[in-house]
Amino acid sequence: MGSWILDVRRRLQAEFGGNPWLCVMATVSPDGAPTARCMVCREVDRDGRVLFVSDRRTRKDDHLRNNPASEICFWLPTERVQIRLSGRVTVMDAETDTFLRQTWWDRLPSENRQIFGAPAHDLDPPMPVTFELLTLSPDLVEVQDLKLKVNQKQVWKVKQNDWQPVALM
């Protein structure tokens, strides 16, 4: 596990606790324009991949199919820390991974399922074909501590399939 992964997971848990881990995800439109939106991070796994649920009908999913480059940014106000992760996103749709999609669908609270068109009265609706998972595989991570008099930033990059600290600014 990369040295940054445990630190980031610990910081997110400390900031958000049992509440959603909110971040901003930036993508690139087909005409090259940057776009950003708030997202709920569902998990940072032991390999550092960041998982989101999404709907096939969104512009974001179209952007990522066209250009998988993305960056996410967390702001942790309690610690005054900014966490940025840049990399490529894999879209898991109805044609690629039914098991993992179903696993995450089953974890969603009913109010979240309604976003995908499930009726409010249906407590166990079937997973729609538009339900997708997005997984960001970062190749650059920055953790910037802004509570110190002199801001401190730690940076890690993937080099030869291994995480290396590249800067402490």
Foldseek 3Di string as FASTA:
>chain_A
DAPVLVVVVVLQCVQQPPHFQKKKKWFAAPVGDIDIDIFTFPDQDPQRKTKGKDFQPDSVVVRLVVPQWMKIWGQRVVQRKIKMFTAGKDKAFPPHDPPVLVVVVVVDALVVVVVVPDDSVDRDDDDDRRMIMIIGDGQKMKMWGDPDPDIWIWMWGQDPNGIDTDDID
